[in-house]
């Protein structure tokens, strides 16, 4: 899980929910920050100390990235440090609101359908009333397409991605190298890899995560976000060509 100082509210809001899981199997939580200077480092360290003895949780310092985006670098550091016997890895943004049964349900789906390459979720945006929040809500609507196609989708949301750990250990389909060597957008890079290798991306009904949007989101902020996404799309297309 990648942590950011501008999401400090997540530490006190979502993180306790993410650490409270009904999953009965072995489970470890890895929180990744860029440096110890990040305010998130101290906030997460305090939270982990509060759960000491109850969960297997660690905080990792990734350092600055040199070959890919910082988010992807953080994710790959987490992959490198995961338990040697881990079967699945779940990437989560720090502001995702998990239900205590979410991890167990996602794992059960992977066990039932081993052909799944990536299991993703859907951010159910809850507009706050501002124009910007409604625009973002509409922008994310295509991500819900998987629920109308028996869970099969070509959309991928980077906020929640469960994958086979061995795909990273052995660089299956070029997953690890594709992200590490110039990767900028984790979800778009992985979606491109899945498409190129005709792999299944699944979006099960259990993976819907309510996401209240800020009340001060403006239309200008939405346009800025849209511009960033367009730049990412162009970058992915250039890499593929």
Protein backbone atom coordinates (compact mmCIF):
# COMPACT_ATOMS: atom_id res chain seq x y z
CA UNK A 1 0.00 0.00 0.00
CA UNK A 2 1.48 3.31 -1.10
CA UNK A 3 1.09 6.15 1.42
CA UNK A 4 1.17 9.87 0.72
CA UNK A 5 1.41 12.84 3.07
CA UNK A 6 -1.48 14.63 1.33
CA UNK A 7 -3.67 11.63 2.23
CA UNK A 8 -2.97 11.78 5.95
CA UNK A 9 -6.69 11.62 6.62
CA UNK A 10 -6.56 8.05 5.31
CA UNK A 11 -4.27 7.03 8.16
CA UNK A 12 -6.94 7.84 10.71
CA UNK A 13 -9.91 6.92 8.52
CA UNK A 14 -9.27 4.04 6.10
CA UNK A 15 -6.11 2.39 7.52
CA UNK A 16 -7.80 0.93 10.62
CA UNK A 17 -10.42 -0.57 8.30
CA UNK A 18 -7.72 -2.01 6.03
CA UNK A 19 -5.96 -3.60 9.00
CA UNK A 20 -9.21 -5.09 10.31
CA UNK A 21 -9.79 -8.14 8.13
CA UNK A 22 -11.94 -11.23 8.63
CA UNK A 23 -9.66 -13.22 6.32
CA UNK A 24 -8.56 -16.34 8.17
CA UNK A 25 -5.39 -17.16 6.24
CA UNK A 26 -1.84 -15.78 6.57
CA UNK A 27 -1.81 -12.05 5.91
CA UNK A 28 0.80 -9.32 6.02
CA UNK A 29 0.38 -5.58 5.51
CA UNK A 30 3.16 -3.54 3.91
CA UNK A 31 2.86 0.25 3.99
CA UNK A 32 5.30 1.97 1.65
CA UNK A 33 6.44 5.59 1.88
CA UNK A 34 9.05 7.53 -0.06
CA UNK A 35 11.15 8.60 2.93
CA UNK A 36 11.17 8.96 6.70
CA UNK A 37 10.71 12.70 6.17
CA UNK A 38 7.22 12.10 4.82
CA UNK A 39 4.63 12.95 7.54
CA UNK A 40 2.84 9.73 6.55
CA UNK A 41 5.80 7.73 7.87
CA UNK A 42 5.26 8.86 11.45
CA UNK A 43 1.48 8.59 11.25
CA UNK A 44 1.62 5.03 9.89
CA UNK A 45 4.30 4.02 12.41
CA UNK A 46 2.04 5.17 15.23
CA UNK A 47 -0.92 3.28 13.79
CA UNK A 48 1.11 0.07 13.44
CA UNK A 49 2.23 0.35 17.05
CA UNK A 50 -1.42 0.50 18.10
CA UNK A 51 -2.05 -2.82 16.34
CA UNK A 52 1.17 -4.46 17.58
CA UNK A 53 0.64 -8.15 18.26
CA UNK A 54 -2.69 -8.20 16.43
CA UNK A 55 -1.55 -8.00 12.80
CA UNK A 56 1.64 -8.54 10.82
CA UNK A 57 2.25 -5.00 9.56
CA UNK A 58 5.42 -3.21 8.49
CA UNK A 59 6.35 0.17 7.07
CA UNK A 60 8.89 0.29 4.23
CA UNK A 61 10.93 3.24 3.01
CA UNK A 62 11.26 3.00 -0.77
CA UNK A 63 13.53 5.96 -1.53
CA UNK A 64 13.33 7.96 -4.75
CA UNK A 65 12.56 6.26 -8.03
CA UNK A 66 14.99 6.49 -10.96
CA UNK A 67 13.42 4.28 -13.66
CA UNK A 68 9.64 4.58 -13.23
CA UNK A 69 6.97 6.60 -11.45
CA UNK A 70 7.25 6.90 -7.67
CA UNK A 71 4.03 4.95 -7.14
CA UNK A 72 5.25 2.01 -9.21
CA UNK A 73 8.64 2.13 -7.47
CA UNK A 74 6.88 1.96 -4.10
CA UNK A 75 4.81 -1.00 -5.28
CA UNK A 76 7.85 -2.91 -6.52
CA UNK A 77 9.68 -2.33 -3.22
CA UNK A 78 6.67 -3.85 -1.48
CA UNK A 79 6.77 -6.82 -3.87
CA UNK A 80 10.48 -7.30 -3.18
CA UNK A 81 9.88 -7.36 0.58
CA UNK A 82 6.74 -9.53 0.63
CA UNK A 83 6.82 -12.91 2.38
CA UNK A 84 8.49 -15.65 0.33
CA UNK A 85 5.39 -17.84 0.59
CA UNK A 86 2.87 -15.17 -0.45
CA UNK A 87 0.49 -16.50 -3.10
CA UNK A 88 -1.32 -13.28 -3.95
CA UNK A 89 -0.49 -9.60 -3.67
CA UNK A 90 -3.09 -6.87 -3.28
CA UNK A 91 -2.14 -3.33 -4.26
CA UNK A 92 -4.26 -0.69 -2.54
CA UNK A 93 -4.27 3.08 -2.64
CA UNK A 94 -4.15 4.56 0.83
CA UNK A 95 -7.63 6.08 0.55
CA UNK A 96 -9.52 2.89 -0.39
CA UNK A 97 -12.28 1.96 2.07
CA UNK A 98 -12.12 -1.79 2.62
CA UNK A 99 -14.82 -3.90 4.24
CA UNK A 100 -13.53 -6.46 6.79
CA UNK A 101 -14.57 -9.21 4.36
CA UNK A 102 -13.03 -7.67 1.23
CA UNK A 103 -9.65 -9.44 1.31
CA UNK A 104 -11.23 -12.84 1.96
CA UNK A 105 -13.76 -12.37 -0.84
CA UNK A 106 -11.12 -11.29 -3.35
CA UNK A 107 -8.87 -14.20 -2.38
CA UNK A 108 -11.73 -16.69 -2.70
CA UNK A 109 -12.42 -15.41 -6.22
CA UNK A 110 -8.76 -15.89 -7.20
CA UNK A 111 -8.82 -19.42 -5.80
CA UNK A 112 -12.02 -20.26 -7.66
CA UNK A 113 -10.82 -18.81 -10.98
CA UNK A 114 -7.03 -19.28 -11.30
CA UNK A 115 -7.17 -17.96 -14.87
CA UNK A 116 -7.65 -14.44 -13.49
CA UNK A 117 -4.56 -12.36 -14.25
CA UNK A 118 -5.62 -9.24 -12.37
CA UNK A 119 -8.60 -8.71 -10.13
CA UNK A 120 -9.66 -5.10 -9.83
CA UNK A 121 -12.33 -3.07 -8.05
CA UNK A 122 -14.61 -0.16 -8.74
CA UNK A 123 -14.39 3.20 -6.95
CA UNK A 124 -18.03 4.06 -6.32
CA UNK A 125 -17.63 7.82 -6.26
CA UNK A 126 -20.16 9.65 -4.11
CA UNK A 127 -20.55 13.18 -5.54
CA UNK A 128 -20.49 15.97 -2.99
CA UNK A 129 -22.65 18.37 -4.99
CA UNK A 130 -19.92 20.33 -6.77
CA UNK A 131 -19.61 20.25 -10.55
CA UNK A 132 -16.10 18.82 -10.33
CA UNK A 133 -17.23 15.90 -8.18
CA UNK A 134 -20.02 14.98 -10.62
CA UNK A 135 -17.56 15.12 -13.54
CA UNK A 136 -15.17 12.75 -11.78
CA UNK A 137 -18.11 10.48 -10.92
CA UNK A 138 -19.06 10.29 -14.62
CA UNK A 139 -15.43 9.79 -15.66
CA UNK A 140 -15.13 6.69 -13.47
CA UNK A 141 -18.41 5.17 -14.68
CA UNK A 142 -16.77 3.04 -17.44
CA UNK A 143 -14.92 1.17 -14.70
CA UNK A 144 -18.28 -0.36 -13.70
CA UNK A 145 -18.56 -2.10 -17.08
CA UNK A 146 -17.13 -5.31 -15.65
CA UNK A 147 -20.24 -5.80 -13.53
CA UNK A 148 -22.35 -5.98 -16.69
CA UNK A 149 -20.06 -8.46 -18.44
CA UNK A 150 -19.84 -11.26 -15.84
CA UNK A 151 -16.82 -9.67 -14.23
CA UNK A 152 -14.71 -9.61 -17.40
CA UNK A 153 -13.35 -6.17 -18.25
CA UNK A 154 -10.48 -4.42 -19.98
CA UNK A 155 -10.62 -1.50 -17.54
CA UNK A 156 -8.30 -1.56 -14.56
CA UNK A 157 -8.38 0.65 -11.49
CA UNK A 158 -5.02 1.11 -9.81
CA UNK A 159 -6.63 1.72 -6.42
CA UNK A 160 -7.31 -2.01 -5.99
CA UNK A 161 -5.43 -4.71 -7.90
CA UNK A 162 -4.97 -8.32 -6.74
CA UNK A 163 -2.46 -10.42 -8.69
CA UNK A 164 -0.54 -13.68 -8.48
CA UNK A 165 2.69 -13.10 -6.55
CA UNK A 166 4.59 -15.46 -8.87
CA UNK A 167 3.90 -13.16 -11.82
CA UNK A 168 6.22 -10.69 -10.08
CA UNK A 169 8.71 -13.26 -8.80
CA UNK A 170 9.26 -14.74 -12.26
CA UNK A 171 8.31 -11.69 -14.34
CA UNK A 172 5.37 -13.47 -15.94
CA UNK A 173 4.27 -11.69 -19.15
CA UNK A 174 6.91 -9.06 -18.38
CA UNK A 175 4.88 -7.67 -15.47
CA UNK A 176 7.76 -6.62 -13.22
CA UNK A 177 10.07 -5.42 -16.00
CA UNK A 178 7.24 -3.64 -17.80
CA UNK A 179 6.48 -1.62 -14.69
CA UNK A 180 10.07 -1.07 -13.60
CA UNK A 181 11.54 0.00 -16.94
CA UNK A 182 9.84 3.29 -17.68
CA UNK A 183 6.40 2.55 -16.25
CA UNK A 184 4.41 5.66 -15.37
CA UNK A 185 0.83 4.50 -14.83
CA UNK A 186 0.50 1.21 -12.95
CA UNK A 187 -3.04 0.38 -14.07
CA UNK A 188 -2.66 1.38 -17.71
CA UNK A 189 0.66 -0.45 -18.03
CA UNK A 190 -0.80 -3.63 -16.54
CA UNK A 191 -3.97 -3.32 -18.64
CA UNK A 192 -1.78 -3.06 -21.77
CA UNK A 193 0.20 -6.15 -20.72
CA UNK A 194 -3.02 -8.07 -20.05
CA UNK A 195 -4.40 -7.09 -23.46
CA UNK A 196 -1.21 -8.00 -25.29
CA UNK A 197 -1.14 -11.46 -23.71
CA UNK A 198 -4.94 -11.97 -23.80
CA UNK A 199 -5.10 -12.30 -20.03
CA UNK A 200 -8.25 -11.98 -17.92
CA UNK A 201 -8.97 -8.85 -15.89
CA UNK A 202 -11.88 -9.49 -13.54
CA UNK A 203 -14.06 -7.08 -11.59
CA UNK A 204 -16.15 -9.13 -9.11
CA UNK A 205 -19.32 -7.78 -7.45
CA UNK A 206 -17.60 -7.80 -4.03
CA UNK A 207 -15.04 -5.23 -5.15
CA UNK A 208 -17.11 -2.06 -4.94
CA UNK A 209 -15.56 0.57 -2.68
CA UNK A 210 -17.50 3.71 -1.69
CA UNK A 211 -15.39 6.82 -2.27
CA UNK A 212 -16.83 10.12 -0.99
CA UNK A 213 -15.55 13.01 -3.10
CA UNK A 214 -14.37 16.29 -1.61
CA UNK A 215 -16.91 19.09 -1.53
CA UNK A 216 -14.42 21.64 -2.90
CA UNK A 217 -13.63 19.79 -6.18
CA UNK A 218 -13.87 22.27 -9.04
CA UNK A 219 -14.33 21.81 -12.77
CA UNK A 220 -10.80 23.14 -13.30
CA UNK A 221 -9.42 20.37 -11.08
CA UNK A 222 -11.35 17.81 -13.11
CA UNK A 223 -9.88 19.18 -16.37
CA UNK A 224 -6.40 19.00 -14.83
CA UNK A 225 -6.99 15.36 -13.85
CA UNK A 226 -8.32 14.60 -17.33
CA UNK A 227 -5.22 16.17 -18.89
CA UNK A 228 -2.96 13.98 -16.76
CA UNK A 229 -4.87 10.86 -17.79
CA UNK A 230 -4.63 11.87 -21.47
CA UNK A 231 -0.85 12.29 -21.14
CA UNK A 232 -0.62 8.83 -19.57
CA UNK A 233 -2.67 7.30 -22.40
CA UNK A 234 -0.41 8.90 -25.00
CA UNK A 235 2.66 7.62 -23.19
CA UNK A 236 1.32 4.06 -23.07
CA UNK A 237 0.39 4.20 -26.77
CA UNK A 238 3.87 5.46 -27.69
CA UNK A 239 5.50 2.66 -25.70
CA UNK A 240 3.32 0.05 -27.42
CA UNK A 241 4.07 1.41 -30.88
